[in-house]
Amino acid sequence: MNPQIQQHLESIFQLLLSMQKIVIPKPDVIQYWNSVVSEWIDDESMPLFVRKGGEIRGTSITIGNRAIIKTDNTPAHWIFKKIVFDKASPTKSRIAEMLENNEFPISFIRKRNEYDTLKNGMVSTKETRLNEQGWKLAHIERIAIKRGNNVTIDHYKKHHEIFLSLSNMYLIDKDFSGLAELESFNIIIKIYRDK
């Protein structure tokens, strides 16, 4: 990247941060939630999430003996809203209970063909949809899952981790959401987060 352009991007980042147009979770919040995500991944009885566009949300596949539930970006929105904004501290056992009772939101809306796969609590409320509050939820590291026949449970575990870990999320005002698509801008976010 051209050094002048990088310098301008850093200035834009600092300006947006000072104007509260970017929200980056605090280190202690990241550490707490990431430990819960790690426990979740290690618990074979709990399903993993896979974000897949164009799929019927709420359906699941099984790899080995592990259930993997198809979602949109709703779980990441719920996590950011509950943990960063509402300052909640859900435990792994609470998450397991929510999943068991179909209370963990995994979809923004329910399409006609999803009434069998999405129970009421699995569809988010308006308060969870951060985009309706003027934000874009961005992931620093791209979370697309590998495709093909040789996708293993380890690929799904890694996807679940980077999809739901607060260390990989931030909010940016929707008016500036295009910046979140730039790898060079996300590097700036990562450097700031790791200070």
C-alpha atoms as a PDB file:
ATOM      1  CA  MET A   1       0.000   0.000   0.000  1.00  0.00           C
ATOM      2  CA  ASN A   2       1.187   3.495  -0.825  1.00  0.00           C
ATOM      3  CA  PRO A   3       2.530   5.050   2.428  1.00  0.00           C
ATOM      4  CA  GLN A   4       0.599   8.293   1.839  1.00  0.00           C
ATOM      5  CA  ILE A   5      -2.684   6.445   1.378  1.00  0.00           C
ATOM      6  CA  GLN A   6      -1.977   4.359   4.505  1.00  0.00           C
ATOM      7  CA  GLN A   7      -1.287   7.552   6.456  1.00  0.00           C
ATOM      8  CA  HIS A   8      -4.588   9.049   5.287  1.00  0.00           C
ATOM      9  CA  LEU A   9      -6.444   5.864   6.256  1.00  0.00           C
ATOM     10  CA  GLU A  10      -4.899   6.061   9.735  1.00  0.00           C
ATOM     11  CA  SER A  11      -6.031   9.697  10.008  1.00  0.00           C
ATOM     12  CA  ILE A  12      -9.548   8.735   8.912  1.00  0.00           C
ATOM     13  CA  PHE A  13      -9.572   5.925  11.503  1.00  0.00           C
ATOM     14  CA  GLN A  14      -8.506   8.309  14.293  1.00  0.00           C
ATOM     15  CA  LEU A  15     -11.137  10.845  13.230  1.00  0.00           C
ATOM     16  CA  LEU A  16     -13.922   8.239  13.130  1.00  0.00           C
ATOM     17  CA  LEU A  17     -12.812   6.891  16.504  1.00  0.00           C
ATOM     18  CA  SER A  18     -12.860  10.381  18.063  1.00  0.00           C
ATOM     19  CA  MET A  19     -16.341  10.973  16.597  1.00  0.00           C
ATOM     20  CA  GLN A  20     -17.540   7.631  18.046  1.00  0.00           C
ATOM     21  CA  LYS A  21     -18.246   6.316  14.555  1.00  0.00           C
ATOM     22  CA  ILE A  22     -16.264   3.147  15.335  1.00  0.00           C
ATOM     23  CA  VAL A  23     -16.765   0.849  18.330  1.00  0.00           C
ATOM     24  CA  ILE A  24     -14.000  -1.599  19.243  1.00  0.00           C
ATOM     25  CA  PRO A  25     -14.585  -3.896  22.237  1.00  0.00           C
ATOM     26  CA  LYS A  26     -12.387  -3.356  25.286  1.00  0.00           C
ATOM     27  CA  PRO A  27      -9.600  -5.925  25.950  1.00  0.00           C
ATOM     28  CA  ASP A  28     -11.140  -7.350  29.142  1.00  0.00           C
ATOM     29  CA  VAL A  29     -14.489  -7.858  27.382  1.00  0.00           C
ATOM     30  CA  ILE A  30     -12.752  -9.536  24.439  1.00  0.00           C
ATOM     31  CA  GLN A  31     -10.800 -11.819  26.773  1.00  0.00           C
ATOM     32  CA  TYR A  32     -13.898 -12.830  28.754  1.00  0.00           C
ATOM     33  CA  TRP A  33     -16.036 -13.649  25.740  1.00  0.00           C
ATOM     34  CA  ASN A  34     -13.270 -15.360  23.779  1.00  0.00           C
ATOM     35  CA  SER A  35     -12.751 -17.756  26.716  1.00  0.00           C
ATOM     36  CA  VAL A  36     -16.483 -18.606  26.582  1.00  0.00           C
ATOM     37  CA  VAL A  37     -16.244 -19.208  22.813  1.00  0.00           C
ATOM     38  CA  SER A  38     -13.256 -21.486  23.415  1.00  0.00           C
ATOM     39  CA  GLU A  39     -15.204 -23.498  26.016  1.00  0.00           C
ATOM     40  CA  TRP A  40     -18.147 -23.675  23.589  1.00  0.00           C
ATOM     41  CA  ILE A  41     -15.934 -25.068  20.817  1.00  0.00           C
ATOM     42  CA  ASP A  42     -14.446 -27.650  23.210  1.00  0.00           C
ATOM     43  CA  ASP A  43     -17.883 -28.865  24.359  1.00  0.00           C
ATOM     44  CA  GLU A  44     -18.840 -31.567  21.849  1.00  0.00           C
ATOM     45  CA  SER A  45     -22.473 -31.463  23.025  1.00  0.00           C
ATOM     46  CA  MET A  46     -22.929 -27.873  21.825  1.00  0.00           C
ATOM     47  CA  PRO A  47     -23.587 -27.130  18.154  1.00  0.00           C
ATOM     48  CA  LEU A  48     -21.256 -24.909  16.166  1.00  0.00           C
ATOM     49  CA  PHE A  49     -22.475 -22.105  13.898  1.00  0.00           C
ATOM     50  CA  VAL A  50     -21.626 -21.645  10.247  1.00  0.00           C
ATOM     51  CA  ARG A  51     -22.534 -18.415   8.472  1.00  0.00           C
ATOM     52  CA  LYS A  52     -23.728 -19.365   5.008  1.00  0.00           C
ATOM     53  CA  GLY A  53     -25.575 -17.074   2.663  1.00  0.00           C
ATOM     54  CA  GLY A  54     -28.369 -18.489   0.567  1.00  0.00           C
ATOM     55  CA  GLU A  55     -28.936 -21.452   2.882  1.00  0.00           C
ATOM     56  CA  ILE A  56     -32.022 -22.278   4.939  1.00  0.00           C
ATOM     57  CA  ARG A  57     -31.145 -20.923   8.357  1.00  0.00           C
ATOM     58  CA  GLY A  58     -31.686 -23.197  11.306  1.00  0.00           C
ATOM     59  CA  THR A  59     -30.934 -26.356   9.336  1.00  0.00           C
ATOM     60  CA  SER A  60     -27.981 -28.358  10.512  1.00  0.00           C
ATOM     61  CA  ILE A  61     -25.422 -30.785   9.247  1.00  0.00           C
ATOM     62  CA  THR A  62     -23.422 -33.274  11.290  1.00  0.00           C
ATOM     63  CA  ILE A  63     -19.674 -33.747  11.009  1.00  0.00           C
ATOM     64  CA  GLY A  64     -18.631 -36.739  13.096  1.00  0.00           C
ATOM     65  CA  ASN A  65     -20.979 -36.352  16.046  1.00  0.00           C
ATOM     66  CA  ARG A  66     -20.999 -32.523  16.016  1.00  0.00           C
ATOM     67  CA  ALA A  67     -24.059 -30.559  14.932  1.00  0.00           C
ATOM     68  CA  ILE A  68     -23.361 -27.458  12.833  1.00  0.00           C
ATOM     69  CA  ILE A  69     -26.206 -24.966  12.467  1.00  0.00           C
ATOM     70  CA  LYS A  70     -26.522 -22.654   9.453  1.00  0.00           C
ATOM     71  CA  THR A  71     -27.001 -18.979  10.338  1.00  0.00           C
ATOM     72  CA  ASP A  72     -26.688 -15.492   8.931  1.00  0.00           C
ATOM     73  CA  ASN A  73     -24.695 -12.767  10.734  1.00  0.00           C
ATOM     74  CA  THR A  74     -27.245 -12.534  13.585  1.00  0.00           C
ATOM     75  CA  PRO A  75     -25.197 -14.436  16.212  1.00  0.00           C
ATOM     76  CA  ALA A  76     -22.356 -11.911  15.857  1.00  0.00           C
ATOM     77  CA  HIS A  77     -24.823  -9.008  16.189  1.00  0.00           C
ATOM     78  CA  TRP A  78     -26.404 -10.554  19.296  1.00  0.00           C
ATOM     79  CA  ILE A  79     -22.994 -11.115  20.901  1.00  0.00           C
ATOM     80  CA  PHE A  80     -21.832  -7.546  20.214  1.00  0.00           C
ATOM     81  CA  LYS A  81     -25.105  -6.042  21.437  1.00  0.00           C
ATOM     82  CA  LYS A  82     -25.390  -8.142  24.610  1.00  0.00           C
ATOM     83  CA  ILE A  83     -21.766  -8.183  25.687  1.00  0.00           C
ATOM     84  CA  VAL A  84     -20.367  -4.845  24.502  1.00  0.00           C
ATOM     85  CA  PHE A  85     -23.420  -2.566  24.724  1.00  0.00           C
ATOM     86  CA  ASP A  86     -25.543  -4.263  27.400  1.00  0.00           C
ATOM     87  CA  LYS A  87     -22.489  -5.412  29.403  1.00  0.00           C
ATOM     88  CA  ALA A  88     -23.933  -8.900  29.871  1.00  0.00           C
ATOM     89  CA  SER A  89     -21.621 -11.805  30.759  1.00  0.00           C
ATOM     90  CA  PRO A  90     -23.256 -14.989  29.467  1.00  0.00           C
ATOM     91  CA  THR A  91     -21.533 -18.199  30.494  1.00  0.00           C
ATOM     92  CA  LYS A  92     -21.074 -21.308  28.397  1.00  0.00           C
ATOM     93  CA  SER A  93     -23.817 -23.043  30.399  1.00  0.00           C
ATOM     94  CA  ARG A  94     -26.211 -20.138  29.751  1.00  0.00           C
ATOM     95  CA  ILE A  95     -25.441 -20.285  26.017  1.00  0.00           C
ATOM     96  CA  ALA A  96     -26.017 -24.072  26.066  1.00  0.00           C
ATOM     97  CA  GLU A  97     -29.371 -23.509  27.779  1.00  0.00           C
ATOM     98  CA  MET A  98     -30.368 -20.883  25.194  1.00  0.00           C
ATOM     99  CA  LEU A  99     -29.428 -23.228  22.352  1.00  0.00           C
ATOM    100  CA  GLU A 100     -31.331 -26.103  23.933  1.00  0.00           C
ATOM    101  CA  ASN A 101     -34.453 -23.932  24.277  1.00  0.00           C
ATOM    102  CA  ASN A 102     -34.158 -22.332  20.806  1.00  0.00           C
ATOM    103  CA  GLU A 103     -33.569 -18.917  22.408  1.00  0.00           C
ATOM    104  CA  PHE A 104     -30.294 -18.010  20.714  1.00  0.00           C
ATOM    105  CA  PRO A 105     -31.009 -15.751  17.714  1.00  0.00           C
ATOM    106  CA  ILE A 106     -29.425 -17.023  14.508  1.00  0.00           C
ATOM    107  CA  SER A 107     -31.446 -15.154  11.864  1.00  0.00           C
ATOM    108  CA  PHE A 108     -32.529 -11.559  11.205  1.00  0.00           C
ATOM    109  CA  ILE A 109     -35.799 -12.629   9.615  1.00  0.00           C
ATOM    110  CA  ARG A 110     -37.753 -15.799   8.948  1.00  0.00           C
ATOM    111  CA  LYS A 111     -38.595 -16.609   5.346  1.00  0.00           C
ATOM    112  CA  ARG A 112     -41.610 -18.684   4.386  1.00  0.00           C
ATOM    113  CA  ASN A 113     -39.483 -21.808   3.915  1.00  0.00           C
ATOM    114  CA  GLU A 114     -37.853 -21.407   7.359  1.00  0.00           C
ATOM    115  CA  TYR A 115     -40.873 -21.781   9.647  1.00  0.00           C
ATOM    116  CA  ASP A 116     -39.920 -25.394  10.366  1.00  0.00           C
ATOM    117  CA  THR A 117     -36.246 -24.650  11.047  1.00  0.00           C
ATOM    118  CA  LEU A 118     -36.433 -21.317  12.916  1.00  0.00           C
ATOM    119  CA  LYS A 119     -38.381 -21.282  16.178  1.00  0.00           C
ATOM    120  CA  ASN A 120     -39.491 -17.896  17.579  1.00  0.00           C
ATOM    121  CA  GLY A 121     -36.444 -17.289  19.799  1.00  0.00           C
ATOM    122  CA  MET A 122     -34.091 -18.056  16.932  1.00  0.00           C
ATOM    123  CA  VAL A 123     -35.205 -14.916  15.053  1.00  0.00           C
ATOM    124  CA  SER A 124     -33.666 -11.700  16.349  1.00  0.00           C
ATOM    125  CA  THR A 125     -35.553  -8.750  17.745  1.00  0.00           C
ATOM    126  CA  LYS A 126     -35.141  -5.293  16.252  1.00  0.00           C
ATOM    127  CA  GLU A 127     -32.845  -4.296  19.155  1.00  0.00           C
ATOM    128  CA  THR A 128     -30.348  -6.982  18.140  1.00  0.00           C
ATOM    129  CA  ARG A 129     -30.089  -5.772  14.546  1.00  0.00           C
ATOM    130  CA  LEU A 130     -27.269  -3.263  14.875  1.00  0.00           C
ATOM    131  CA  ASN A 131     -27.619  -2.270  11.216  1.00  0.00           C
ATOM    132  CA  GLU A 132     -31.036  -0.810  12.080  1.00  0.00           C
ATOM    133  CA  GLN A 133     -29.262   1.412  14.590  1.00  0.00           C
ATOM    134  CA  GLY A 134     -26.923   2.819  11.940  1.00  0.00           C
ATOM    135  CA  TRP A 135     -24.012   0.376  12.337  1.00  0.00           C
ATOM    136  CA  LYS A 136     -22.245  -2.176  10.176  1.00  0.00           C
ATOM    137  CA  LEU A 137     -20.800  -5.081  12.123  1.00  0.00           C
ATOM    138  CA  ALA A 138     -17.446  -5.860  10.523  1.00  0.00           C
ATOM    139  CA  HIS A 139     -15.075  -8.784  10.920  1.00  0.00           C
ATOM    140  CA  ILE A 140     -11.366  -7.977  10.812  1.00  0.00           C
ATOM    141  CA  GLU A 141     -10.394 -11.406   9.473  1.00  0.00           C
ATOM    142  CA  ARG A 142     -12.617 -12.763   6.707  1.00  0.00           C
ATOM    143  CA  ILE A 143     -14.809 -15.582   7.951  1.00  0.00           C
ATOM    144  CA  ALA A 144     -15.778 -17.437   4.777  1.00  0.00           C
ATOM    145  CA  ILE A 145     -15.704 -21.197   5.298  1.00  0.00           C
ATOM    146  CA  LYS A 146     -13.657 -23.409   3.010  1.00  0.00           C
ATOM    147  CA  ARG A 147     -15.719 -25.163   0.335  1.00  0.00           C
ATOM    148  CA  GLY A 148     -15.522 -28.656  -1.069  1.00  0.00           C
ATOM    149  CA  ASN A 149     -15.649 -32.234   0.124  1.00  0.00           C
ATOM    150  CA  ASN A 150     -12.562 -32.095   2.314  1.00  0.00           C
ATOM    151  CA  VAL A 151     -13.945 -29.614   4.886  1.00  0.00           C
ATOM    152  CA  THR A 152     -13.210 -31.051   8.329  1.00  0.00           C
ATOM    153  CA  ILE A 153     -14.586 -30.377  11.789  1.00  0.00           C
ATOM    154  CA  ASP A 154     -11.451 -28.324  12.456  1.00  0.00           C
ATOM    155  CA  HIS A 155     -12.432 -25.963   9.614  1.00  0.00           C
ATOM    156  CA  TYR A 156     -15.854 -25.522  11.225  1.00  0.00           C
ATOM    157  CA  LYS A 157     -14.311 -24.937  14.670  1.00  0.00           C
ATOM    158  CA  LYS A 158     -12.017 -22.248  13.244  1.00  0.00           C
ATOM    159  CA  HIS A 159     -14.930 -20.652  11.379  1.00  0.00           C
ATOM    160  CA  HIS A 160     -17.060 -20.636  14.553  1.00  0.00           C
ATOM    161  CA  GLU A 161     -14.191 -19.022  16.474  1.00  0.00           C
ATOM    162  CA  ILE A 162     -13.486 -16.165  14.053  1.00  0.00           C
ATOM    163  CA  PHE A 163     -17.214 -15.666  13.412  1.00  0.00           C
ATOM    164  CA  LEU A 164     -18.101 -15.223  17.114  1.00  0.00           C
ATOM    165  CA  SER A 165     -14.918 -13.904  18.756  1.00  0.00           C
ATOM    166  CA  LEU A 166     -15.104 -10.257  19.800  1.00  0.00           C
ATOM    167  CA  SER A 167     -11.405  -9.908  18.961  1.00  0.00           C
ATOM    168  CA  ASN A 168     -12.478 -10.227  15.327  1.00  0.00           C
ATOM    169  CA  MET A 169     -15.402  -7.749  15.441  1.00  0.00           C
ATOM    170  CA  TYR A 170     -15.973  -4.022  15.435  1.00  0.00           C
ATOM    171  CA  LEU A 171     -18.743  -1.632  14.499  1.00  0.00           C
ATOM    172  CA  ILE A 172     -18.450   1.167  11.988  1.00  0.00           C
ATOM    173  CA  ASP A 173     -21.045   3.784  11.114  1.00  0.00           C
ATOM    174  CA  LYS A 174     -22.958   2.598   8.052  1.00  0.00           C
ATOM    175  CA  ASP A 175     -22.049   5.807   6.196  1.00  0.00           C
ATOM    176  CA  PHE A 176     -18.410   4.648   6.251  1.00  0.00           C
ATOM    177  CA  SER A 177     -19.019   0.892   5.979  1.00  0.00           C
ATOM    178  CA  GLY A 178     -17.020   0.575   2.748  1.00  0.00           C
ATOM    179  CA  LEU A 179     -13.843   1.087   4.773  1.00  0.00           C
ATOM    180  CA  ALA A 180     -14.479  -2.245   6.511  1.00  0.00           C
ATOM    181  CA  GLU A 181     -13.943  -3.999   3.178  1.00  0.00           C
ATOM    182  CA  LEU A 182     -10.361  -2.719   2.944  1.00  0.00           C
ATOM    183  CA  GLU A 183      -7.731  -5.067   4.330  1.00  0.00           C
ATOM    184  CA  SER A 184      -5.432  -2.076   4.956  1.00  0.00           C
ATOM    185  CA  PHE A 185      -8.128  -0.420   7.109  1.00  0.00           C
ATOM    186  CA  ASN A 186      -8.714  -3.631   9.067  1.00  0.00           C
ATOM    187  CA  ILE A 187      -4.974  -3.850   9.761  1.00  0.00           C
ATOM    188  CA  ILE A 188      -5.233  -0.415  11.410  1.00  0.00           C
ATOM    189  CA  ILE A 189      -8.163  -1.680  13.527  1.00  0.00           C
ATOM    190  CA  LYS A 190      -6.150  -4.731  14.552  1.00  0.00           C
ATOM    191  CA  ILE A 191      -3.103  -2.678  15.547  1.00  0.00           C
ATOM    192  CA  TYR A 192      -5.306  -0.368  17.643  1.00  0.00           C
ATOM    193  CA  ARG A 193      -7.086  -3.326  19.260  1.00  0.00           C
ATOM    194  CA  ASP A 194      -3.785  -4.988  20.200  1.00  0.00           C
ATOM    195  CA  LYS A 195      -2.229  -1.924  21.860  1.00  0.00           C
END
